PDB file of N, CA and C in Angstrom:
ATOM      1  N   MET A   1       0.745  -1.212   0.250  1.00  0.00           N
ATOM      2  CA  MET A   1       0.073  -0.015  -0.209  1.00  0.00           C
ATOM      3  C   MET A   1       0.626   1.588   0.358  1.00  0.00           C
ATOM      4  N   ILE A   2       1.836   1.587   0.703  1.00  0.00           N
ATOM      5  CA  ILE A   2       2.375   2.332   1.190  1.00  0.00           C
ATOM      6  C   ILE A   2       3.524   3.073  -0.653  1.00  0.00           C
ATOM      7  N   PHE A   3       3.080   1.505  -1.090  1.00  0.00           N
ATOM      8  CA  PHE A   3       4.484   1.474  -2.094  1.00  0.00           C
ATOM      9  C   PHE A   3       3.785   2.826  -3.106  1.00  0.00           C
ATOM     10  N   THR A   4       1.805   2.618  -3.462  1.00  0.00           N
ATOM     11  CA  THR A   4       1.341   2.297  -4.619  1.00  0.00           C
ATOM     12  C   THR A   4       0.943   4.089  -4.077  1.00  0.00           C
ATOM     13  N   ILE A   5       0.872   3.911  -2.910  1.00  0.00           N
ATOM     14  CA  ILE A   5       0.678   5.521  -2.287  1.00  0.00           C
ATOM     15  C   ILE A   5       2.296   6.216  -2.912  1.00  0.00           C
ATOM     16  N   ALA A   6       3.571   6.115  -2.950  1.00  0.00           N
ATOM     17  CA  ALA A   6       4.126   7.267  -3.505  1.00  0.00           C
ATOM     18  C   ALA A   6       4.409   7.394  -4.866  1.00  0.00           C
ATOM     19  N   ALA A   7       3.897   6.244  -5.746  1.00  0.00           N
ATOM     20  CA  ALA A   7       4.047   5.821  -6.893  1.00  0.00           C
ATOM     21  C   ALA A   7       3.353   6.680  -7.432  1.00  0.00           C
ATOM     22  N   THR A   8       2.210   7.592  -6.573  1.00  0.00           N
ATOM     23  CA  THR A   8       0.756   7.753  -7.014  1.00  0.00           C
ATOM     24  C   THR A   8       1.543   9.417  -7.095  1.00  0.00           C
ATOM     25  N   ILE A   9       1.726   9.462  -5.588  1.00  0.00           N
ATOM     26  CA  ILE A   9       2.086  11.287  -5.489  1.00  0.00           C
ATOM     27  C   ILE A   9       3.670  11.316  -6.801  1.00  0.00           C
ATOM     28  N   THR A  10       4.562   9.963  -7.155  1.00  0.00           N
ATOM     29  CA  THR A  10       4.908  10.169  -8.215  1.00  0.00           C
ATOM     30  C   THR A  10       4.516  10.651  -8.963  1.00  0.00           C
ATOM     31  N   VAL A  11       3.959  10.252  -9.851  1.00  0.00           N
ATOM     32  CA  VAL A  11       3.239   9.783 -11.301  1.00  0.00           C
ATOM     33  C   VAL A  11       2.518  11.592 -11.442  1.00  0.00           C
ATOM     34  N   THR A  12       1.699  12.073 -10.399  1.00  0.00           N
ATOM     35  CA  THR A  12       1.015  13.012  -9.804  1.00  0.00           C
ATOM     36  C   THR A  12       2.373  14.250 -10.409  1.00  0.00           C
ATOM     37  N   GLY A  13       3.468  14.363  -9.321  1.00  0.00           N
ATOM     38  CA  GLY A  13       4.194  15.589  -9.940  1.00  0.00           C
ATOM     39  C   GLY A  13       4.660  15.402 -10.631  1.00  0.00           C
ATOM     40  N   CYS A  14       4.737  15.021 -11.639  1.00  0.00           N
ATOM     41  CA  CYS A  14       5.678  15.248 -13.034  1.00  0.00           C
ATOM     42  C   CYS A  14       4.788  15.097 -14.138  1.00  0.00           C
ATOM     43  N   GLN A  15       4.680  16.823 -14.145  1.00  0.00           N
ATOM     44  CA  GLN A  15       4.058  16.734 -15.483  1.00  0.00           C
ATOM     45  C   GLN A  15       4.817  16.992 -17.134  1.00  0.00           C
ATOM     46  N   THR A  16       4.050  17.243 -17.446  1.00  0.00           N
ATOM     47  CA  THR A  16       5.525  16.918 -18.905  1.00  0.00           C
ATOM     48  C   THR A  16       4.838  19.000 -19.240  1.00  0.00           C
ATOM     49  N   GLN A  17       5.794  19.756 -19.670  1.00  0.00           N
ATOM     50  CA  GLN A  17       5.560  20.681 -20.325  1.00  0.00           C
ATOM     51  C   GLN A  17       4.721  21.095 -20.914  1.00  0.00           C
ATOM     52  N   GLN A  18       3.344  20.673 -21.378  1.00  0.00           N
ATOM     53  CA  GLN A  18       2.841  21.310 -21.680  1.00  0.00           C
ATOM     54  C   GLN A  18       1.263  20.973 -20.914  1.00  0.00           C
ATOM     55  N   GLN A  19       1.360  19.549 -19.927  1.00  0.00           N
ATOM     56  CA  GLN A  19       0.488  19.833 -18.009  1.00  0.00           C
ATOM     57  C   GLN A  19       1.256  21.207 -18.044  1.00  0.00           C
ATOM     58  N   MET A  20       2.336  21.858 -18.015  1.00  0.00           N
ATOM     59  CA  MET A  20       2.530  22.837 -17.383  1.00  0.00           C
ATOM     60  C   MET A  20       2.051  24.206 -18.187  1.00  0.00           C
ATOM     61  N   MET A  21       2.346  24.534 -19.542  1.00  0.00           N
ATOM     62  CA  MET A  21       2.214  25.557 -20.428  1.00  0.00           C
ATOM     63  C   MET A  21       0.920  25.416 -19.600  1.00  0.00           C
ATOM     64  N   ASP A  22      -0.003  24.423 -20.227  1.00  0.00           N
ATOM     65  CA  ASP A  22      -1.409  24.727 -19.725  1.00  0.00           C
ATOM     66  C   ASP A  22      -1.930  25.923 -18.662  1.00  0.00           C
ATOM     67  N   GLN A  23      -0.948  24.811 -17.366  1.00  0.00           N
ATOM     68  CA  GLN A  23      -1.466  25.635 -16.453  1.00  0.00           C
ATOM     69  C   GLN A  23      -0.792  27.361 -15.834  1.00  0.00           C
ATOM     70  N   GLN A  24      -0.069  28.249 -16.126  1.00  0.00           N
ATOM     71  CA  GLN A  24       0.609  28.919 -16.539  1.00  0.00           C
ATOM     72  C   GLN A  24      -0.932  29.618 -17.756  1.00  0.00           C
ATOM     73  N   GLN A  25      -1.369  29.594 -18.453  1.00  0.00           N
ATOM     74  CA  GLN A  25      -2.168  30.456 -19.813  1.00  0.00           C
ATOM     75  C   GLN A  25      -3.031  31.463 -19.094  1.00  0.00           C
ATOM     76  N   PRO A  26      -3.608  30.703 -18.221  1.00  0.00           N
ATOM     77  CA  PRO A  26      -4.298  32.320 -17.242  1.00  0.00           C
ATOM     78  C   PRO A  26      -3.689  32.969 -16.543  1.00  0.00           C
ATOM     79  N   ASP A  27      -2.134  33.517 -16.128  1.00  0.00           N
ATOM     80  CA  ASP A  27      -1.963  34.035 -15.238  1.00  0.00           C
ATOM     81  C   ASP A  27      -1.236  34.708 -16.945  1.00  0.00           C
ATOM     82  N   ALA A  28      -0.155  34.042 -17.743  1.00  0.00           N
ATOM     83  CA  ALA A  28      -0.205  34.639 -18.697  1.00  0.00           C
ATOM     84  C   ALA A  28      -1.149  35.408 -18.945  1.00  0.00           C
ATOM     85  N   ARG A  29      -2.953  35.176 -19.788  1.00  0.00           N
ATOM     86  CA  ARG A  29      -3.280  36.154 -20.050  1.00  0.00           C
ATOM     87  C   ARG A  29      -3.591  37.073 -18.777  1.00  0.00           C
ATOM     88  N   HIS A  30      -3.788  37.079 -17.836  1.00  0.00           N
ATOM     89  CA  HIS A  30      -4.210  38.469 -16.493  1.00  0.00           C
ATOM     90  C   HIS A  30      -3.277  39.435 -16.883  1.00  0.00           C
ATOM     91  N   VAL A  31      -1.910  38.976 -17.030  1.00  0.00           N
ATOM     92  CA  VAL A  31      -0.442  39.814 -16.883  1.00  0.00           C
ATOM     93  C   VAL A  31      -0.658  40.216 -17.968  1.00  0.00           C
ATOM     94  N   ALA A  32      -1.002  40.262 -19.042  1.00  0.00           N
ATOM     95  CA  ALA A  32      -1.042  40.870 -19.886  1.00  0.00           C
ATOM     96  C   ALA A  32      -1.809  41.873 -20.542  1.00  0.00           C
ATOM     97  N   GLN A  33      -3.286  40.622 -19.610  1.00  0.00           N
ATOM     98  CA  GLN A  33      -4.776  42.279 -19.899  1.00  0.00           C
ATOM     99  C   GLN A  33      -4.420  42.893 -18.993  1.00  0.00           C
ATOM    100  N   ARG A  34      -3.866  42.843 -17.873  1.00  0.00           N
ATOM    101  CA  ARG A  34      -4.005  43.950 -16.983  1.00  0.00           C
ATOM    102  C   ARG A  34      -2.680  45.099 -17.400  1.00  0.00           C
ATOM    103  N   ARG A  35      -0.905  44.876 -18.749  1.00  0.00           N
ATOM    104  CA  ARG A  35      -1.191  45.583 -18.739  1.00  0.00           C
ATOM    105  C   ARG A  35      -2.131  46.424 -20.085  1.00  0.00           C
ATOM    106  N   GLY A  36      -2.964  45.595 -20.814  1.00  0.00           N
ATOM    107  CA  GLY A  36      -2.856  46.073 -21.524  1.00  0.00           C
ATOM    108  C   GLY A  36      -4.331  47.395 -21.718  1.00  0.00           C
ATOM    109  N   ALA A  37      -5.409  46.757 -20.086  1.00  0.00           N
ATOM    110  CA  ALA A  37      -5.578  47.942 -19.817  1.00  0.00           C
ATOM    111  C   ALA A  37      -5.070  48.977 -19.298  1.00  0.00           C
ATOM    112  N   PHE A  38      -4.295  48.786 -18.507  1.00  0.00           N
ATOM    113  CA  PHE A  38      -3.409  49.867 -18.131  1.00  0.00           C
ATOM    114  C   PHE A  38      -3.022  50.476 -19.641  1.00  0.00           C
ATOM    115  N   GLU A  39      -2.461  50.109 -20.359  1.00  0.00           N
ATOM    116  CA  GLU A  39      -1.461  50.480 -21.611  1.00  0.00           C
ATOM    117  C   GLU A  39      -2.827  51.505 -22.675  1.00  0.00           C
ATOM    118  N   LEU A  40      -3.569  50.535 -22.223  1.00  0.00           N
ATOM    119  CA  LEU A  40      -4.633  51.251 -23.825  1.00  0.00           C
ATOM    120  C   LEU A  40      -5.496  52.162 -22.720  1.00  0.00           C
ATOM    121  N   ASN A  41      -5.608  52.769 -21.287  1.00  0.00           N
ATOM    122  CA  ASN A  41      -6.513  53.176 -20.963  1.00  0.00           C
ATOM    123  C   ASN A  41      -7.600  52.976 -21.355  1.00  0.00           C
ATOM    124  N   CYS A  42      -7.919  51.578 -21.308  1.00  0.00           N
ATOM    125  CA  CYS A  42      -9.474  50.676 -21.186  1.00  0.00           C
ATOM    126  C   CYS A  42      -9.382  49.856 -19.923  1.00  0.00           C
ATOM    127  N   PRO A  43     -10.324  50.167 -19.043  1.00  0.00           N
ATOM    128  CA  PRO A  43     -10.523  48.912 -17.956  1.00  0.00           C
ATOM    129  C   PRO A  43     -10.940  48.004 -18.731  1.00  0.00           C
ATOM    130  N   ALA A  44     -12.233  48.075 -18.591  1.00  0.00           N
ATOM    131  CA  ALA A  44     -12.710  47.405 -20.204  1.00  0.00           C
ATOM    132  C   ALA A  44     -11.781  46.255 -20.775  1.00  0.00           C
ATOM    133  N   ALA A  45     -10.830  46.523 -21.619  1.00  0.00           N
ATOM    134  CA  ALA A  45      -9.812  44.826 -22.115  1.00  0.00           C
ATOM    135  C   ALA A  45     -10.038  43.759 -22.435  1.00  0.00           C
ATOM    136  N   THR A  46      -9.775  43.064 -22.726  1.00  0.00           N
ATOM    137  CA  THR A  46      -9.990  41.711 -23.035  1.00  0.00           C
ATOM    138  C   THR A  46      -9.028  40.611 -23.606  1.00  0.00           C
ATOM    139  N   ALA A  47      -8.643  40.817 -23.078  1.00  0.00           N
ATOM    140  CA  ALA A  47      -6.853  39.529 -23.766  1.00  0.00           C
ATOM    141  C   ALA A  47      -7.544  38.394 -24.363  1.00  0.00           C
ATOM    142  N   GLU A  48      -6.527  38.054 -25.497  1.00  0.00           N
ATOM    143  CA  GLU A  48      -7.207  36.503 -26.016  1.00  0.00           C
ATOM    144  C   GLU A  48      -5.725  36.101 -26.269  1.00  0.00           C
ATOM    145  N   LEU A  49      -5.466  34.897 -26.749  1.00  0.00           N
ATOM    146  CA  LEU A  49      -3.979  33.781 -26.558  1.00  0.00           C
ATOM    147  C   LEU A  49      -4.293  33.662 -27.894  1.00  0.00           C
ATOM    148  N   LEU A  50      -2.899  34.040 -27.813  1.00  0.00           N
ATOM    149  CA  LEU A  50      -2.664  34.230 -30.205  1.00  0.00           C
ATOM    150  C   LEU A  50      -1.553  32.594 -30.358  1.00  0.00           C
ATOM    151  N   SER A  51      -0.725  32.678 -29.405  1.00  0.00           N
ATOM    152  CA  SER A  51       0.516  31.774 -29.597  1.00  0.00           C
ATOM    153  C   SER A  51       0.747  31.375 -28.223  1.00  0.00           C
ATOM    154  N   GLN A  52       1.458  29.527 -27.902  1.00  0.00           N
ATOM    155  CA  GLN A  52       2.137  29.629 -27.188  1.00  0.00           C
ATOM    156  C   GLN A  52       3.610  28.839 -27.789  1.00  0.00           C
ATOM    157  N   GLU A  53       4.236  28.642 -27.212  1.00  0.00           N
ATOM    158  CA  GLU A  53       6.045  27.383 -27.202  1.00  0.00           C
ATOM    159  C   GLU A  53       6.983  28.179 -25.540  1.00  0.00           C
ATOM    160  N   ILE A  54       7.385  26.248 -25.586  1.00  0.00           N
ATOM    161  CA  ILE A  54       8.249  26.525 -25.094  1.00  0.00           C
ATOM    162  C   ILE A  54       9.941  26.724 -24.918  1.00  0.00           C
ATOM    163  N   VAL A  55      10.819  27.269 -25.148  1.00  0.00           N
ATOM    164  CA  VAL A  55      11.807  28.085 -25.178  1.00  0.00           C
ATOM    165  C   VAL A  55      12.331  26.941 -23.689  1.00  0.00           C
ATOM    166  N   ALA A  56      13.402  25.334 -24.991  1.00  0.00           N
ATOM    167  CA  ALA A  56      13.988  25.151 -24.492  1.00  0.00           C
ATOM    168  C   ALA A  56      15.462  25.604 -23.699  1.00  0.00           C
ATOM    169  N   GLN A  57      16.397  25.106 -23.428  1.00  0.00           N
ATOM    170  CA  GLN A  57      17.913  25.398 -23.188  1.00  0.00           C
ATOM    171  C   GLN A  57      19.149  25.099 -24.146  1.00  0.00           C
ATOM    172  N   PRO A  58      20.385  25.757 -24.765  1.00  0.00           N
ATOM    173  CA  PRO A  58      20.471  25.275 -25.448  1.00  0.00           C
ATOM    174  C   PRO A  58      21.317  24.271 -24.938  1.00  0.00           C
ATOM    175  N   LEU A  59      21.301  23.411 -25.798  1.00  0.00           N
ATOM    176  CA  LEU A  59      22.486  21.724 -25.428  1.00  0.00           C
ATOM    177  C   LEU A  59      23.418  22.166 -24.917  1.00  0.00           C
ATOM    178  N   PHE A  60      24.229  23.045 -25.054  1.00  0.00           N
ATOM    179  CA  PHE A  60      25.478  23.302 -24.692  1.00  0.00           C
ATOM    180  C   PHE A  60      26.092  24.381 -23.546  1.00  0.00           C
ATOM    181  N   ALA A  61      24.917  24.335 -22.921  1.00  0.00           N
ATOM    182  CA  ALA A  61      24.858  24.932 -21.934  1.00  0.00           C
ATOM    183  C   ALA A  61      25.035  24.011 -20.104  1.00  0.00           C
ATOM    184  N   ILE A  62      25.964  25.220 -19.381  1.00  0.00           N
ATOM    185  CA  ILE A  62      26.157  24.644 -18.105  1.00  0.00           C
ATOM    186  C   ILE A  62      25.212  24.504 -17.257  1.00  0.00           C
ATOM    187  N   ALA A  63      24.390  23.818 -16.318  1.00  0.00           N
ATOM    188  CA  ALA A  63      23.286  23.195 -16.409  1.00  0.00           C
ATOM    189  C   ALA A  63      24.076  24.673 -14.534  1.00  0.00           C
ATOM    190  N   GLN A  64      24.850  25.693 -14.409  1.00  0.00           N
ATOM    191  CA  GLN A  64      24.609  25.870 -13.359  1.00  0.00           C
ATOM    192  C   GLN A  64      25.009  27.364 -13.548  1.00  0.00           C
ATOM    193  N   PHE A  65      24.992  27.663 -15.009  1.00  0.00           N
ATOM    194  CA  PHE A  65      24.578  28.811 -15.801  1.00  0.00           C
ATOM    195  C   PHE A  65      23.627  29.393 -16.663  1.00  0.00           C
ATOM    196  N   ALA A  66      22.758  28.153 -16.588  1.00  0.00           N
ATOM    197  CA  ALA A  66      21.890  27.835 -18.227  1.00  0.00           C
ATOM    198  C   ALA A  66      20.516  28.750 -17.440  1.00  0.00           C
ATOM    199  N   PRO A  67      19.942  29.829 -18.610  1.00  0.00           N
ATOM    200  CA  PRO A  67      18.756  30.329 -17.784  1.00  0.00           C
ATOM    201  C   PRO A  67      17.552  29.219 -17.660  1.00  0.00           C
ATOM    202  N   PRO A  68      16.495  29.313 -17.056  1.00  0.00           N
ATOM    203  CA  PRO A  68      15.469  28.106 -16.797  1.00  0.00           C
ATOM    204  C   PRO A  68      14.610  28.327 -17.942  1.00  0.00           C
ATOM    205  N   GLN A  69      14.234  27.270 -18.059  1.00  0.00           N
ATOM    206  CA  GLN A  69      13.218  26.461 -19.318  1.00  0.00           C
ATOM    207  C   GLN A  69      12.475  27.763 -19.219  1.00  0.00           C
ATOM    208  N   ARG A  70      11.396  28.311 -20.492  1.00  0.00           N
ATOM    209  CA  ARG A  70       9.786  29.130 -19.897  1.00  0.00           C
ATOM    210  C   ARG A  70       8.503  28.933 -20.692  1.00  0.00           C
ATOM    211  N   ALA A  71       8.503  29.414 -20.567  1.00  0.00           N
ATOM    212  CA  ALA A  71       7.106  29.653 -21.574  1.00  0.00           C
ATOM    213  C   ALA A  71       6.060  30.431 -22.277  1.00  0.00           C
ATOM    214  N   GLU A  72       6.772  31.075 -23.397  1.00  0.00           N
ATOM    215  CA  GLU A  72       6.284  32.390 -24.056  1.00  0.00           C
ATOM    216  C   GLU A  72       5.111  32.009 -24.590  1.00  0.00           C
ATOM    217  N   TYR A  73       4.146  33.419 -24.368  1.00  0.00           N
ATOM    218  CA  TYR A  73       2.800  33.645 -24.899  1.00  0.00           C
ATOM    219  C   TYR A  73       2.785  35.003 -25.820  1.00  0.00           C
ATOM    220  N   THR A  74       2.380  35.349 -27.032  1.00  0.00           N
ATOM    221  CA  THR A  74       1.399  36.064 -27.851  1.00  0.00           C
ATOM    222  C   THR A  74       0.213  36.276 -27.051  1.00  0.00           C
ATOM    223  N   VAL A  75      -0.262  36.762 -26.899  1.00  0.00           N
ATOM    224  CA  VAL A  75      -1.610  37.653 -26.283  1.00  0.00           C
ATOM    225  C   VAL A  75      -1.889  39.033 -27.055  1.00  0.00           C
ATOM    226  N   GLY A  76      -3.565  38.635 -27.112  1.00  0.00           N
ATOM    227  CA  GLY A  76      -3.974  40.088 -27.656  1.00  0.00           C
ATOM    228  C   GLY A  76      -4.469  40.907 -27.247  1.00  0.00           C
ATOM    229  N   VAL A  77      -4.792  41.850 -26.540  1.00  0.00           N
ATOM    230  CA  VAL A  77      -5.394  42.481 -25.391  1.00  0.00           C
ATOM    231  C   VAL A  77      -6.465  43.830 -26.165  1.00  0.00           C
ATOM    232  N   SER A  78      -7.411  44.117 -26.222  1.00  0.00           N
ATOM    233  CA  SER A  78      -8.514  44.375 -27.201  1.00  0.00           C
ATOM    234  C   SER A  78      -9.126  45.181 -25.860  1.00  0.00           C
ATOM    235  N   GLY A  79      -9.620  46.347 -26.902  1.00  0.00           N
ATOM    236  CA  GLY A  79     -10.780  47.009 -25.978  1.00  0.00           C
ATOM    237  C   GLY A  79     -11.339  48.996 -26.235  1.00  0.00           C
ATOM    238  N   CYS A  80     -12.183  49.383 -25.798  1.00  0.00           N
ATOM    239  CA  CYS A  80     -12.421  50.918 -26.363  1.00  0.00           C
ATOM    240  C   CYS A  80     -11.496  51.096 -27.995  1.00  0.00           C
ATOM    241  N   GLY A  81     -12.059  49.884 -28.329  1.00  0.00           N
ATOM    242  CA  GLY A  81     -11.220  51.111 -28.886  1.00  0.00           C
ATOM    243  C   GLY A  81     -10.383  50.335 -30.396  1.00  0.00           C
ATOM    244  N   LYS A  82      -9.298  50.321 -29.585  1.00  0.00           N
ATOM    245  CA  LYS A  82      -7.731  50.005 -29.732  1.00  0.00           C
ATOM    246  C   LYS A  82      -6.887  48.347 -29.088  1.00  0.00           C
ATOM    247  N   ARG A  83      -6.243  48.201 -29.650  1.00  0.00           N
ATOM    248  CA  ARG A  83      -5.258  47.237 -29.622  1.00  0.00           C
ATOM    249  C   ARG A  83      -3.451  46.996 -29.340  1.00  0.00           C
ATOM    250  N   ALA A  84      -3.058  45.831 -28.653  1.00  0.00           N
ATOM    251  CA  ALA A  84      -2.207  45.578 -28.557  1.00  0.00           C
ATOM    252  C   ALA A  84      -1.258  44.232 -27.979  1.00  0.00           C
ATOM    253  N   THR A  85      -0.348  43.963 -28.832  1.00  0.00           N
ATOM    254  CA  THR A  85       0.399  42.419 -28.370  1.00  0.00           C
ATOM    255  C   THR A  85       0.711  41.870 -27.519  1.00  0.00           C
ATOM    256  N   TYR A  86       0.656  41.628 -27.147  1.00  0.00           N
ATOM    257  CA  TYR A  86       2.580  41.543 -25.645  1.00  0.00           C
ATOM    258  C   TYR A  86       3.285  40.238 -26.048  1.00  0.00           C
ATOM    259  N   LEU A  87       3.836  39.939 -25.648  1.00  0.00           N
ATOM    260  CA  LEU A  87       4.795  38.694 -25.546  1.00  0.00           C
ATOM    261  C   LEU A  87       5.018  38.254 -23.922  1.00  0.00           C
ATOM    262  N   VAL A  88       4.362  37.875 -23.365  1.00  0.00           N
ATOM    263  CA  VAL A  88       4.527  36.962 -21.935  1.00  0.00           C
ATOM    264  C   VAL A  88       5.138  35.908 -21.522  1.00  0.00           C
ATOM    265  N   VAL A  89       6.801  36.283 -21.092  1.00  0.00           N
ATOM    266  CA  VAL A  89       7.342  35.055 -20.680  1.00  0.00           C
ATOM    267  C   VAL A  89       6.832  34.028 -19.249  1.00  0.00           C
ATOM    268  N   CYS A  90       6.965  33.305 -18.802  1.00  0.00           N
ATOM    269  CA  CYS A  90       6.437  33.270 -17.848  1.00  0.00           C
ATOM    270  C   CYS A  90       7.602  31.927 -17.404  1.00  0.00           C
ATOM    271  N   PRO A  91       8.592  31.585 -16.484  1.00  0.00           N
ATOM    272  CA  PRO A  91       9.007  30.025 -16.086  1.00  0.00           C
ATOM    273  C   PRO A  91       8.630  28.796 -15.555  1.00  0.00           C
ATOM    274  N   LEU A  92       9.078  27.647 -16.423  1.00  0.00           N
ATOM    275  CA  LEU A  92       7.950  26.400 -16.706  1.00  0.00           C
ATOM    276  C   LEU A  92       7.775  25.744 -15.457  1.00  0.00           C
ATOM    277  N   GLU A  93       8.983  26.255 -13.730  1.00  0.00           N
ATOM    278  CA  GLU A  93       9.050  26.081 -12.458  1.00  0.00           C
ATOM    279  C   GLU A  93       9.856  27.392 -12.120  1.00  0.00           C
ATOM    280  N   GLY A  94       8.110  27.606 -11.329  1.00  0.00           N
ATOM    281  CA  GLY A  94       8.574  28.529 -10.873  1.00  0.00           C
ATOM    282  C   GLY A  94       7.329  29.592 -11.087  1.00  0.00           C
ATOM    283  N   THR A  95       6.915  30.770 -10.610  1.00  0.00           N
ATOM    284  CA  THR A  95       6.109  31.259 -10.338  1.00  0.00           C
ATOM    285  C   THR A  95       6.542  32.865 -10.806  1.00  0.00           C
ATOM    286  N   GLY A  96       5.738  34.569 -11.498  1.00  0.00           N
ATOM    287  CA  GLY A  96       5.333  35.219 -11.959  1.00  0.00           C
ATOM    288  C   GLY A  96       5.779  35.701 -13.248  1.00  0.00           C
ATOM    289  N   CYS A  97       4.682  35.989 -14.362  1.00  0.00           N
ATOM    290  CA  CYS A  97       4.836  35.490 -15.781  1.00  0.00           C
ATOM    291  C   CYS A  97       5.229  37.419 -16.132  1.00  0.00           C
ATOM    292  N   ILE A  98       6.496  38.043 -17.412  1.00  0.00           N
ATOM    293  CA  ILE A  98       6.639  39.493 -16.870  1.00  0.00           C
ATOM    294  C   ILE A  98       5.749  39.523 -18.983  1.00  0.00           C
ATOM    295  N   ALA A  99       4.579  40.611 -18.640  1.00  0.00           N
ATOM    296  CA  ALA A  99       4.373  40.362 -20.308  1.00  0.00           C
ATOM    297  C   ALA A  99       5.062  42.220 -20.675  1.00  0.00           C
ATOM    298  N   THR A 100       5.732  41.600 -21.652  1.00  0.00           N
ATOM    299  CA  THR A 100       7.210  42.758 -22.702  1.00  0.00           C
ATOM    300  C   THR A 100       6.499  43.372 -24.578  1.00  0.00           C
ATOM    301  N   GLY A 101       6.754  44.052 -24.522  1.00  0.00           N
ATOM    302  CA  GLY A 101       6.190  43.844 -26.425  1.00  0.00           C
ATOM    303  C   GLY A 101       5.576  44.361 -26.576  1.00  0.00           C
ATOM    304  N   SER A 102       4.333  46.013 -26.277  1.00  0.00           N
ATOM    305  CA  SER A 102       3.415  46.347 -26.675  1.00  0.00           C
ATOM    306  C   SER A 102       3.467  46.948 -27.965  1.00  0.00           C
ATOM    307  N   ARG A 103       2.297  46.932 -28.843  1.00  0.00           N
ATOM    308  CA  ARG A 103       2.539  47.274 -30.326  1.00  0.00           C
ATOM    309  C   ARG A 103       1.162  47.977 -29.984  1.00  0.00           C
ATOM    310  N   ASP A 104       0.688  49.441 -30.299  1.00  0.00           N
ATOM    311  CA  ASP A 104      -0.746  49.483 -30.436  1.00  0.00           C
ATOM    312  C   ASP A 104      -0.721  49.859 -31.180  1.00  0.00           C
ATOM    313  N   MET A 105      -1.812  49.703 -31.852  1.00  0.00           N
ATOM    314  CA  MET A 105      -2.380  49.651 -32.991  1.00  0.00           C
ATOM    315  C   MET A 105      -3.197  50.510 -33.032  1.00  0.00           C
ATOM    316  N   THR A 106      -3.669  51.282 -32.588  1.00  0.00           N
ATOM    317  CA  THR A 106      -4.541  51.923 -32.941  1.00  0.00           C
ATOM    318  C   THR A 106      -4.231  53.175 -33.531  1.00  0.00           C
ATOM    319  N   GLY A 107      -5.085  53.835 -35.243  1.00  0.00           N
ATOM    320  CA  GLY A 107      -4.973  54.910 -36.159  1.00  0.00           C
ATOM    321  C   GLY A 107      -4.508  54.517 -36.971  1.00  0.00           C
ATOM    322  N   LEU A 108      -3.920  53.318 -36.433  1.00  0.00           N
ATOM    323  CA  LEU A 108      -3.386  52.900 -38.134  1.00  0.00           C
ATOM    324  C   LEU A 108      -4.981  52.415 -39.159  1.00  0.00           C
ATOM    325  N   SER A 109      -3.807  52.354 -40.047  1.00  0.00           N
ATOM    326  CA  SER A 109      -4.798  52.712 -41.573  1.00  0.00           C
ATOM    327  C   SER A 109      -4.437  50.868 -42.495  1.00  0.00           C
ATOM    328  N   SER A 110      -5.421  50.775 -43.667  1.00  0.00           N
ATOM    329  CA  SER A 110      -5.568  48.541 -44.094  1.00  0.00           C
ATOM    330  C   SER A 110      -3.558  48.578 -43.886  1.00  0.00           C
ATOM    331  N   ASP A 111      -3.110  49.648 -44.915  1.00  0.00           N
ATOM    332  CA  ASP A 111      -1.280  49.311 -45.037  1.00  0.00           C
ATOM    333  C   ASP A 111      -0.596  49.328 -44.302  1.00  0.00           C
ATOM    334  N   GLY A 112      -1.011  49.521 -42.089  1.00  0.00           N
ATOM    335  CA  GLY A 112      -0.053  49.726 -41.022  1.00  0.00           C
ATOM    336  C   GLY A 112       0.699  50.844 -41.456  1.00  0.00           C
ATOM    337  N   VAL A 113       0.428  51.994 -42.007  1.00  0.00           N
ATOM    338  CA  VAL A 113       0.908  53.244 -41.852  1.00  0.00           C
ATOM    339  C   VAL A 113      -0.304  54.249 -41.349  1.00  0.00           C
ATOM    340  N   LYS A 114       1.244  54.963 -39.638  1.00  0.00           N
ATOM    341  CA  LYS A 114      -0.369  56.259 -39.063  1.00  0.00           C
ATOM    342  C   LYS A 114       0.209  57.054 -40.061  1.00  0.00           C
TER     343      LYS A 114
END
């Protein structure tokens, strides 16, 4: 019985990278939505996940100096007639996502020129 409990704990404690990404997705969307709402001056702004990927460590990295594996999400935020896109970075093993790189799409013509 003890072996069964230990095996169950071990199996449930090992998540795949996809499961970790899925678990962090709500946080990534929330971080982008909050930043977008502030930058667009639109408290009602909403966030939509556009893409996600895992950024792996290079093969030659020394474990002691290697950056942590991370998930990167591209999140679109829109509201009040404005739009922005953010790159949100979250460590796979840890907490705290960071939204970077907005591009305000307000006032662009169909060819992308202001």
